[in-house]
Structure formats: C-alpha cells, structure tokens
Protein backbone atom coordinates (compact mmCIF):
# COMPACT_ATOMS: atom_id res chain seq x y z
CA MET A 1 -0.22 -0.26 0.10
CA PRO A 2 1.37 3.39 -1.00
CA LEU A 3 2.19 5.92 1.64
CA THR A 4 -0.19 8.97 1.71
CA GLY A 5 0.90 12.69 1.26
CA ALA A 6 0.84 13.70 4.85
CA GLU A 7 2.61 10.35 5.92
CA VAL A 8 5.64 11.34 3.46
CA ARG A 9 5.96 14.56 4.88
CA GLY A 10 5.68 13.10 8.17
CA LEU A 11 2.70 15.01 9.34
CA ALA A 12 0.85 13.26 12.08
CA ALA A 13 -2.87 13.85 12.17
CA PRO A 14 -4.50 16.69 14.55
CA THR A 15 -5.84 15.55 17.79
CA VAL A 16 -8.29 16.71 20.68
CA VAL A 17 -5.25 17.83 22.40
CA ASP A 18 -3.47 19.85 19.75
CA TRP A 19 -6.91 21.59 19.14
CA LEU A 20 -7.23 22.44 22.67
CA ARG A 21 -3.70 23.69 23.03
CA GLU A 22 -4.09 25.76 20.27
CA ILE A 23 -7.20 27.12 21.60
CA ALA A 24 -5.93 27.71 24.99
CA GLY A 25 -3.18 29.66 23.59
CA VAL A 26 -5.22 32.38 22.49
CA VAL A 27 -8.49 32.22 24.93
CA GLY A 28 -6.66 30.85 28.29
CA PRO A 29 -7.38 27.06 29.22
CA GLN A 30 -10.24 27.33 31.06
CA GLN A 31 -12.08 29.33 28.08
CA ALA A 32 -11.08 26.42 25.97
CA LEU A 33 -12.11 23.66 27.91
CA LEU A 34 -15.40 24.83 28.65
CA ALA A 35 -15.97 25.78 24.67
CA TRP A 36 -14.64 22.44 24.49
CA SER A 37 -17.02 20.25 26.78
CA ARG A 38 -20.20 22.39 25.07
CA ALA A 39 -19.01 21.53 21.62
CA THR A 40 -18.82 17.70 22.47
CA ALA A 41 -21.96 17.53 24.71
CA ALA A 42 -23.85 19.12 21.78
CA THR A 43 -22.16 17.14 19.24
CA GLY A 44 -22.70 13.99 21.32
CA LEU A 45 -18.62 13.18 20.87
CA HIS A 46 -16.54 12.10 23.74
CA GLY A 47 -12.95 11.05 24.63
CA THR A 48 -10.23 12.65 23.01
CA ALA A 49 -9.74 9.92 20.13
CA LEU A 50 -11.81 11.59 17.68
CA THR A 51 -11.16 11.39 13.61
CA PRO A 52 -10.56 14.58 12.06
CA GLU A 53 -13.91 14.43 10.37
CA GLN A 54 -15.20 14.53 14.35
CA LEU A 55 -13.19 17.19 15.21
CA GLN A 56 -14.41 19.28 12.06
CA ARG A 57 -17.95 18.92 13.25
CA ALA A 58 -16.92 20.34 16.65
CA GLY A 59 -15.16 22.65 15.12
CA GLN A 60 -18.31 23.68 13.22
CA TRP A 61 -20.46 23.74 15.91
CA LEU A 62 -17.99 25.87 17.68
CA LEU A 63 -17.73 28.46 15.24
CA GLY A 64 -21.61 28.44 15.16
CA ASP A 65 -22.01 28.78 19.44
CA SER A 66 -19.10 31.24 20.02
CA THR A 67 -19.57 35.06 19.79
CA ASP A 68 -15.69 35.47 21.35
CA PRO A 69 -13.63 36.40 17.84
CA ARG A 70 -10.38 35.31 19.37
CA LEU A 71 -12.28 31.72 19.89
CA ARG A 72 -13.56 31.92 16.34
CA ILE A 73 -9.74 32.65 14.67
CA ALA A 74 -8.12 29.67 16.90
CA VAL A 75 -11.19 27.46 16.15
CA ARG A 76 -10.18 28.28 12.24
CA SER A 77 -6.90 27.66 12.31
CA CYS A 78 -7.44 24.49 13.83
CA LEU A 79 -10.35 23.67 10.80
CA LEU A 80 -7.97 24.65 8.31
CA ARG A 81 -5.23 22.45 9.45
CA THR A 82 -7.55 19.64 9.48
CA ARG A 83 -8.37 20.46 5.78
CA VAL A 84 -5.04 20.45 5.47
CA HIS A 85 -4.30 17.25 6.53
CA ARG A 86 -6.95 15.96 5.07
CA ALA A 87 -6.03 16.75 1.52
CA LEU A 88 -2.39 15.74 2.32
CA ARG A 89 -3.60 12.27 3.47
CA SER A 90 -5.63 11.85 0.39
CA THR A 91 -2.51 12.25 -1.75
CA THR A 92 -0.69 9.09 -2.54
CA HIS A 93 3.38 8.86 -2.68
CA GLU A 94 3.65 8.06 -6.31
CA GLU A 95 2.84 11.64 -7.19
CA HIS A 96 6.12 12.70 -5.38
CA GLN A 97 8.20 9.98 -7.34
C-alpha cells in the first residue's frame, strides 16, 4: 500500500489535544475547556480519540456557537489545519516520485 502525502511529509493527524492547546493559547485554558465541553456535549462526541471528521464537526459547532472573535479565529485555524491534513492524506506517495 503506498504512503499518503501526509505520511511522506511526516505530518501527524490533528488531535483533540492539539486543538485544545491551540485554542487555549488564544483564549486561555479554562475558556478552551469550557467551549470544548459545550461542543462535545452538543455534538454527542466523547473522548480524545476523535477522527479529523469528528474534530471538524465539533469545530463547526464551536464556530456557530461562539461570539468570542478570538475563539472563532483559533477554531478556524484548527479547522484549516485539519482540512490541510485531510488533503495531504488523500495524495499518494506515487505523486512525489
């Protein structure tokens, strides 16, 4: 099985911890955890082993719910990183040979 573009570049899939760190760096850890708890409760997602698609679902909910521009910017950054990883994941190693 050929490697994906993301694997070739050594890019790990984004995780809940990555998202929380980025959001906390912008709005602080307490607000990040509260926002994330609201998003996971509203979307029915649980745990920290979420897929990129599930992360995107929680992120979209956060964008729709939040009125804090700093939180919205942090979430948009996380969503962008997740979309980039998904695009890289879909490319194959063969394209780089």
